[in-house]
Amino acid sequence: MRLTALLCVLLLSIGCQRSTDLANDTAADNHPVQLVAQVVEASCGECQFDMEGTGCDLAIRIDGKSYFVDGSKMGDHGNAHGEGGMCNTVRKAKVTGKVTGERFVATAFELLPADGESATHESSSHDESAQHTH
């Protein structure tokens, strides 16, 4: 009798765990996570988030999980390898888009100013009024 009860509990716990896994897989596949003006961590996936890739690629991290970004590139946000660049530091970004599979498909991606940086500095990549010497 005890052996039968133990066997039933064991089978139920295995069956319940697998059902939960399948439900999570189905929810992830059928209902992509949608973000609207969400502030997330942004950086180079390979250099800062330890993701496997072939070069320096833009990525975001949501609740500890990292996703490569489609719809925005590292070069869109300044010199990635410069001081304060995304290969050297993790920044904050305000994003809109959805997680599809293992990627984030961005419809909007705004890199927020780094600590001590003004918002106008970040949005302007080149000051035409500055004098240049070559």
N, C-alpha and C. Protein backbone atom coordinates (compact mmCIF):
# COMPACT_ATOMS: atom_id res chain seq x y z
N MET A 1 0.82 -1.19 0.00
CA MET A 1 0.00 0.00 0.00
C MET A 1 0.86 1.26 0.00
N ARG A 2 1.89 1.30 0.88
CA ARG A 2 2.77 2.46 0.95
C ARG A 2 3.53 2.65 -0.35
N LEU A 3 3.94 1.54 -0.95
CA LEU A 3 4.67 1.61 -2.21
C LEU A 3 3.80 2.18 -3.31
N THR A 4 2.53 1.81 -3.34
CA THR A 4 1.61 2.33 -4.34
C THR A 4 1.40 3.83 -4.14
N ALA A 5 1.24 4.27 -2.90
CA ALA A 5 1.05 5.69 -2.62
C ALA A 5 2.29 6.49 -3.02
N LEU A 6 3.47 5.97 -2.70
CA LEU A 6 4.71 6.65 -3.06
C LEU A 6 4.86 6.74 -4.57
N LEU A 7 4.53 5.68 -5.27
CA LEU A 7 4.60 5.65 -6.73
C LEU A 7 3.64 6.68 -7.34
N CYS A 8 2.43 6.79 -6.80
CA CYS A 8 1.45 7.76 -7.30
C CYS A 8 1.95 9.20 -7.11
N VAL A 9 2.51 9.49 -5.94
CA VAL A 9 3.02 10.83 -5.66
C VAL A 9 4.17 11.15 -6.62
N LEU A 10 5.05 10.20 -6.83
CA LEU A 10 6.19 10.41 -7.72
C LEU A 10 5.72 10.66 -9.15
N LEU A 11 4.78 9.88 -9.65
CA LEU A 11 4.28 10.06 -11.01
C LEU A 11 3.54 11.39 -11.17
N LEU A 12 2.77 11.77 -10.16
CA LEU A 12 2.06 13.04 -10.22
C LEU A 12 3.03 14.22 -10.25
N SER A 13 4.10 14.15 -9.43
CA SER A 13 5.04 15.27 -9.41
C SER A 13 5.80 15.38 -10.72
N ILE A 14 6.16 14.27 -11.33
CA ILE A 14 6.83 14.30 -12.63
C ILE A 14 5.87 14.83 -13.69
N GLY A 15 4.66 14.35 -13.71
CA GLY A 15 3.67 14.79 -14.69
C GLY A 15 3.34 16.26 -14.55
N CYS A 16 3.21 16.76 -13.32
CA CYS A 16 2.91 18.17 -13.09
C CYS A 16 4.06 19.05 -13.53
N GLN A 17 5.29 18.65 -13.26
CA GLN A 17 6.45 19.44 -13.66
C GLN A 17 6.52 19.55 -15.17
N ARG A 18 6.31 18.48 -15.89
CA ARG A 18 6.38 18.50 -17.34
C ARG A 18 5.25 19.35 -17.92
N SER A 19 4.08 19.31 -17.33
CA SER A 19 2.97 20.14 -17.79
C SER A 19 3.30 21.62 -17.64
N THR A 20 3.95 21.98 -16.54
CA THR A 20 4.34 23.37 -16.32
C THR A 20 5.35 23.79 -17.37
N ASP A 21 6.34 22.93 -17.66
CA ASP A 21 7.34 23.25 -18.68
C ASP A 21 6.70 23.45 -20.03
N LEU A 22 5.77 22.59 -20.40
CA LEU A 22 5.10 22.73 -21.68
C LEU A 22 4.27 24.01 -21.73
N ALA A 23 3.62 24.34 -20.64
CA ALA A 23 2.82 25.57 -20.60
C ALA A 23 3.71 26.78 -20.79
N ASN A 24 4.88 26.79 -20.15
CA ASN A 24 5.81 27.90 -20.30
C ASN A 24 6.32 27.99 -21.73
N ASP A 25 6.67 26.84 -22.33
CA ASP A 25 7.15 26.84 -23.71
C ASP A 25 6.07 27.36 -24.65
N THR A 26 4.84 26.91 -24.47
CA THR A 26 3.74 27.33 -25.33
C THR A 26 3.47 28.82 -25.17
N ALA A 27 3.47 29.30 -23.93
CA ALA A 27 3.22 30.72 -23.70
C ALA A 27 4.31 31.56 -24.36
N ALA A 28 5.56 31.14 -24.27
CA ALA A 28 6.65 31.90 -24.86
C ALA A 28 6.54 31.92 -26.38
N ASP A 29 6.13 30.81 -26.97
CA ASP A 29 6.05 30.73 -28.42
C ASP A 29 4.83 31.46 -28.97
N ASN A 30 3.70 31.35 -28.30
CA ASN A 30 2.45 31.91 -28.83
C ASN A 30 2.19 33.35 -28.40
N HIS A 31 2.82 33.79 -27.34
CA HIS A 31 2.55 35.13 -26.81
C HIS A 31 3.87 35.83 -26.53
N PRO A 32 4.45 36.48 -27.54
CA PRO A 32 5.71 37.17 -27.30
C PRO A 32 5.54 38.25 -26.24
N VAL A 33 6.60 38.47 -25.48
CA VAL A 33 6.57 39.50 -24.45
C VAL A 33 6.67 40.86 -25.13
N GLN A 34 5.70 41.72 -24.90
CA GLN A 34 5.65 43.06 -25.48
C GLN A 34 6.14 44.07 -24.45
N LEU A 35 7.07 44.94 -24.83
CA LEU A 35 7.54 46.01 -23.96
C LEU A 35 7.16 47.34 -24.58
N VAL A 36 6.67 48.27 -23.76
CA VAL A 36 6.32 49.61 -24.23
C VAL A 36 7.01 50.62 -23.32
N ALA A 37 7.96 51.37 -23.90
CA ALA A 37 8.72 52.40 -23.16
C ALA A 37 9.30 51.84 -21.86
N GLN A 38 9.83 50.64 -21.94
CA GLN A 38 10.40 49.95 -20.78
C GLN A 38 11.89 50.30 -20.66
N VAL A 39 12.36 50.63 -19.47
CA VAL A 39 13.77 50.89 -19.25
C VAL A 39 14.46 49.57 -18.93
N VAL A 40 15.49 49.25 -19.73
CA VAL A 40 16.22 47.99 -19.60
C VAL A 40 17.71 48.28 -19.61
N GLU A 41 18.51 47.28 -19.32
CA GLU A 41 19.95 47.39 -19.47
C GLU A 41 20.30 47.14 -20.93
N ALA A 42 21.24 47.90 -21.46
CA ALA A 42 21.67 47.74 -22.85
C ALA A 42 23.18 47.77 -22.91
N SER A 43 23.74 46.93 -23.77
CA SER A 43 25.19 46.89 -23.90
C SER A 43 25.56 45.98 -25.05
N CYS A 44 26.86 45.71 -25.17
CA CYS A 44 27.33 44.73 -26.14
C CYS A 44 27.06 43.35 -25.58
N GLY A 45 26.35 42.54 -26.34
CA GLY A 45 26.01 41.20 -25.88
C GLY A 45 27.23 40.35 -25.59
N GLU A 46 28.23 40.42 -26.46
CA GLU A 46 29.41 39.59 -26.29
C GLU A 46 30.35 40.13 -25.21
N CYS A 47 30.60 41.44 -25.22
CA CYS A 47 31.58 42.04 -24.30
C CYS A 47 31.08 42.16 -22.86
N GLN A 48 29.81 42.48 -22.68
CA GLN A 48 29.30 42.75 -21.34
C GLN A 48 28.32 41.71 -20.80
N PHE A 49 27.56 41.06 -21.68
CA PHE A 49 26.56 40.11 -21.21
C PHE A 49 26.98 38.66 -21.41
N ASP A 50 28.21 38.43 -21.86
CA ASP A 50 28.76 37.08 -22.05
C ASP A 50 27.90 36.20 -22.96
N MET A 51 27.32 36.80 -23.99
CA MET A 51 26.53 36.05 -24.96
C MET A 51 27.46 35.55 -26.06
N GLU A 52 27.08 34.45 -26.67
CA GLU A 52 27.89 33.92 -27.77
C GLU A 52 27.45 34.57 -29.07
N GLY A 53 28.41 35.06 -29.84
CA GLY A 53 28.13 35.71 -31.10
C GLY A 53 29.38 35.82 -31.93
N THR A 54 29.28 36.54 -33.04
CA THR A 54 30.41 36.62 -33.97
C THR A 54 31.10 37.97 -33.96
N GLY A 55 30.65 38.90 -33.16
CA GLY A 55 31.25 40.23 -33.10
C GLY A 55 30.57 41.02 -32.02
N CYS A 56 30.70 42.32 -32.07
CA CYS A 56 30.06 43.18 -31.08
C CYS A 56 28.65 43.52 -31.57
N ASP A 57 27.65 43.01 -30.85
CA ASP A 57 26.25 43.18 -31.24
C ASP A 57 25.45 43.73 -30.07
N LEU A 58 24.52 44.63 -30.40
CA LEU A 58 23.67 45.25 -29.40
C LEU A 58 22.77 44.20 -28.75
N ALA A 59 22.65 44.31 -27.43
CA ALA A 59 21.79 43.40 -26.68
C ALA A 59 21.15 44.16 -25.52
N ILE A 60 20.05 43.62 -25.04
CA ILE A 60 19.41 44.15 -23.83
C ILE A 60 19.27 43.03 -22.82
N ARG A 61 19.11 43.42 -21.57
CA ARG A 61 18.90 42.43 -20.51
C ARG A 61 17.62 42.80 -19.78
N ILE A 62 16.71 41.83 -19.70
CA ILE A 62 15.43 41.99 -19.02
C ILE A 62 15.34 40.94 -17.93
N ASP A 63 15.20 41.36 -16.70
CA ASP A 63 15.08 40.43 -15.57
C ASP A 63 16.17 39.37 -15.59
N GLY A 64 17.40 39.78 -15.89
CA GLY A 64 18.53 38.87 -15.85
C GLY A 64 18.74 38.03 -17.10
N LYS A 65 17.85 38.12 -18.09
CA LYS A 65 17.98 37.36 -19.33
C LYS A 65 18.35 38.31 -20.46
N SER A 66 19.36 37.91 -21.25
CA SER A 66 19.86 38.77 -22.32
C SER A 66 19.31 38.35 -23.67
N TYR A 67 19.06 39.37 -24.52
CA TYR A 67 18.53 39.16 -25.87
C TYR A 67 19.28 40.05 -26.85
N PHE A 68 19.71 39.49 -27.98
CA PHE A 68 20.24 40.32 -29.04
C PHE A 68 19.09 41.15 -29.61
N VAL A 69 19.42 42.34 -30.14
CA VAL A 69 18.42 43.29 -30.61
C VAL A 69 18.37 43.33 -32.13
N ASP A 70 17.19 43.26 -32.68
CA ASP A 70 16.94 43.53 -34.10
C ASP A 70 16.23 44.87 -34.16
N GLY A 71 16.57 45.70 -35.15
CA GLY A 71 15.91 46.99 -35.30
C GLY A 71 16.74 48.16 -34.81
N SER A 72 17.89 47.90 -34.21
CA SER A 72 18.83 48.93 -33.78
C SER A 72 20.20 48.27 -33.72
N LYS A 73 21.24 49.07 -34.00
CA LYS A 73 22.60 48.53 -34.04
C LYS A 73 23.50 49.31 -33.10
N MET A 74 24.62 48.72 -32.74
CA MET A 74 25.60 49.38 -31.86
C MET A 74 26.01 50.74 -32.43
N GLY A 75 26.28 50.81 -33.73
CA GLY A 75 26.74 52.03 -34.36
C GLY A 75 25.73 53.16 -34.33
N ASP A 76 24.47 52.84 -34.08
CA ASP A 76 23.43 53.86 -33.97
C ASP A 76 23.56 54.68 -32.68
N HIS A 77 24.41 54.21 -31.77
CA HIS A 77 24.46 54.79 -30.43
C HIS A 77 25.87 55.22 -30.02
N GLY A 78 26.65 55.69 -30.99
CA GLY A 78 27.98 56.21 -30.69
C GLY A 78 29.06 55.16 -30.86
N ASN A 79 30.26 55.53 -30.43
CA ASN A 79 31.43 54.66 -30.55
C ASN A 79 31.38 53.59 -29.47
N ALA A 80 31.10 52.37 -29.87
CA ALA A 80 30.93 51.27 -28.91
C ALA A 80 32.19 50.99 -28.12
N HIS A 81 33.37 51.26 -28.72
CA HIS A 81 34.63 50.95 -28.06
C HIS A 81 35.25 52.18 -27.39
N GLY A 82 34.59 53.34 -27.47
CA GLY A 82 35.08 54.55 -26.83
C GLY A 82 34.74 54.56 -25.35
N GLU A 83 35.23 55.60 -24.68
CA GLU A 83 34.92 55.75 -23.26
C GLU A 83 33.41 55.87 -23.08
N GLY A 84 32.85 55.06 -22.24
CA GLY A 84 31.40 55.05 -22.03
C GLY A 84 30.63 54.31 -23.11
N GLY A 85 31.35 53.72 -24.08
CA GLY A 85 30.70 52.95 -25.14
C GLY A 85 30.17 51.62 -24.62
N MET A 86 29.25 51.04 -25.36
CA MET A 86 28.55 49.85 -24.87
C MET A 86 29.40 48.58 -24.82
N CYS A 87 30.58 48.59 -25.42
CA CYS A 87 31.48 47.45 -25.24
C CYS A 87 32.24 47.57 -23.92
N ASN A 88 32.21 48.76 -23.33
CA ASN A 88 32.95 49.00 -22.10
C ASN A 88 32.08 49.18 -20.87
N THR A 89 30.79 49.36 -21.07
CA THR A 89 29.91 49.59 -19.93
C THR A 89 28.48 49.16 -20.27
N VAL A 90 27.71 48.93 -19.24
CA VAL A 90 26.28 48.62 -19.41
C VAL A 90 25.52 49.93 -19.21
N ARG A 91 24.67 50.24 -20.16
CA ARG A 91 23.88 51.48 -20.13
C ARG A 91 22.40 51.16 -19.91
N LYS A 92 21.61 52.18 -19.75
CA LYS A 92 20.15 52.05 -19.67
C LYS A 92 19.57 52.52 -21.00
N ALA A 93 18.49 51.88 -21.42
CA ALA A 93 17.79 52.28 -22.64
C ALA A 93 16.30 52.16 -22.42
N LYS A 94 15.55 53.03 -23.08
CA LYS A 94 14.09 52.95 -23.07
C LYS A 94 13.69 52.30 -24.39
N VAL A 95 13.04 51.13 -24.31
CA VAL A 95 12.75 50.36 -25.51
C VAL A 95 11.27 50.06 -25.65
N THR A 96 10.85 49.92 -26.90
CA THR A 96 9.53 49.42 -27.23
C THR A 96 9.75 48.34 -28.28
N GLY A 97 9.05 47.24 -28.14
CA GLY A 97 9.18 46.13 -29.07
C GLY A 97 8.72 44.85 -28.41
N LYS A 98 9.18 43.72 -28.96
CA LYS A 98 8.75 42.45 -28.38
C LYS A 98 9.86 41.42 -28.42
N VAL A 99 9.84 40.55 -27.44
CA VAL A 99 10.76 39.42 -27.40
C VAL A 99 10.14 38.32 -28.24
N THR A 100 10.88 37.91 -29.26
CA THR A 100 10.43 36.83 -30.13
C THR A 100 11.52 35.77 -30.13
N GLY A 101 11.21 34.63 -29.53
CA GLY A 101 12.23 33.59 -29.40
C GLY A 101 13.34 34.09 -28.49
N GLU A 102 14.56 34.07 -28.99
CA GLU A 102 15.72 34.50 -28.22
C GLU A 102 16.20 35.90 -28.61
N ARG A 103 15.36 36.68 -29.31
CA ARG A 103 15.75 38.01 -29.78
C ARG A 103 14.71 39.04 -29.38
N PHE A 104 15.16 40.30 -29.29
CA PHE A 104 14.27 41.40 -29.03
C PHE A 104 14.14 42.20 -30.31
N VAL A 105 12.92 42.34 -30.82
CA VAL A 105 12.65 43.09 -32.04
C VAL A 105 12.18 44.48 -31.62
N ALA A 106 13.06 45.46 -31.81
CA ALA A 106 12.79 46.83 -31.35
C ALA A 106 12.04 47.63 -32.39
N THR A 107 11.00 48.33 -31.95
CA THR A 107 10.35 49.33 -32.80
C THR A 107 10.80 50.72 -32.37
N ALA A 108 11.32 50.84 -31.15
CA ALA A 108 11.91 52.09 -30.65
C ALA A 108 13.03 51.72 -29.67
N PHE A 109 14.16 52.42 -29.77
CA PHE A 109 15.31 52.15 -28.90
C PHE A 109 15.99 53.48 -28.62
N GLU A 110 15.87 53.96 -27.38
CA GLU A 110 16.48 55.23 -26.99
C GLU A 110 17.51 54.97 -25.90
N LEU A 111 18.78 55.17 -26.23
CA LEU A 111 19.83 55.03 -25.24
C LEU A 111 19.77 56.21 -24.30
N LEU A 112 19.64 55.95 -23.01
CA LEU A 112 19.51 57.02 -22.03
C LEU A 112 20.89 57.57 -21.69
N PRO A 113 20.96 58.84 -21.27
CA PRO A 113 22.27 59.43 -20.95
C PRO A 113 22.97 58.65 -19.85
N ALA A 114 24.28 58.52 -20.00
CA ALA A 114 25.09 57.89 -18.96
C ALA A 114 25.16 58.83 -17.77
N ASP A 115 25.54 58.33 -16.63
CA ASP A 115 25.67 59.18 -15.44
C ASP A 115 26.57 60.35 -15.76
N GLY A 116 26.12 61.55 -15.44
CA GLY A 116 26.92 62.75 -15.65
C GLY A 116 26.90 63.27 -17.08
N GLU A 117 26.11 62.69 -17.95
CA GLU A 117 26.03 63.10 -19.35
C GLU A 117 24.69 63.77 -19.59
N SER A 118 24.68 64.86 -20.32
CA SER A 118 23.41 65.54 -20.58
C SER A 118 22.64 64.83 -21.67
N ALA A 119 21.34 64.98 -21.67
CA ALA A 119 20.49 64.34 -22.68
C ALA A 119 20.78 64.88 -24.07
N THR A 120 21.12 66.16 -24.18
CA THR A 120 21.39 66.71 -25.50
C THR A 120 22.69 66.18 -26.06
N HIS A 121 23.66 65.89 -25.20
CA HIS A 121 24.93 65.34 -25.68
C HIS A 121 24.71 63.98 -26.33
N GLU A 122 23.89 63.15 -25.71
CA GLU A 122 23.67 61.80 -26.24
C GLU A 122 22.95 61.81 -27.57
N SER A 123 22.00 62.72 -27.73
CA SER A 123 21.22 62.72 -28.95
C SER A 123 21.97 63.35 -30.12
N SER A 124 22.99 64.11 -29.85
CA SER A 124 23.76 64.77 -30.91
C SER A 124 25.07 64.04 -31.11
N SER A 125 25.27 63.46 -32.27
CA SER A 125 26.49 62.73 -32.53
C SER A 125 27.56 63.61 -33.13
N HIS A 126 27.19 64.79 -33.64
CA HIS A 126 28.17 65.65 -34.28
C HIS A 126 27.71 67.09 -34.18
N ASP A 127 28.60 67.95 -33.69
CA ASP A 127 28.26 69.35 -33.55
C ASP A 127 28.81 70.11 -34.74
N GLU A 128 27.93 70.54 -35.64
CA GLU A 128 28.35 71.23 -36.86
C GLU A 128 28.95 72.60 -36.56
N SER A 129 28.63 73.21 -35.41
CA SER A 129 29.13 74.54 -35.11
C SER A 129 30.54 74.51 -34.55
N ALA A 130 31.02 73.35 -34.12
CA ALA A 130 32.36 73.26 -33.55
C ALA A 130 33.41 73.45 -34.64
N GLN A 131 34.52 74.12 -34.27
CA GLN A 131 35.61 74.30 -35.23
C GLN A 131 36.42 73.03 -35.30
N HIS A 132 36.79 72.64 -36.51
CA HIS A 132 37.55 71.42 -36.71
C HIS A 132 38.95 71.78 -37.20
N THR A 133 39.94 71.06 -36.69
CA THR A 133 41.30 71.21 -37.18
C THR A 133 41.76 69.87 -37.69
N HIS A 134 42.38 69.86 -38.84
CA HIS A 134 42.83 68.58 -39.42
C HIS A 134 44.32 68.54 -39.55
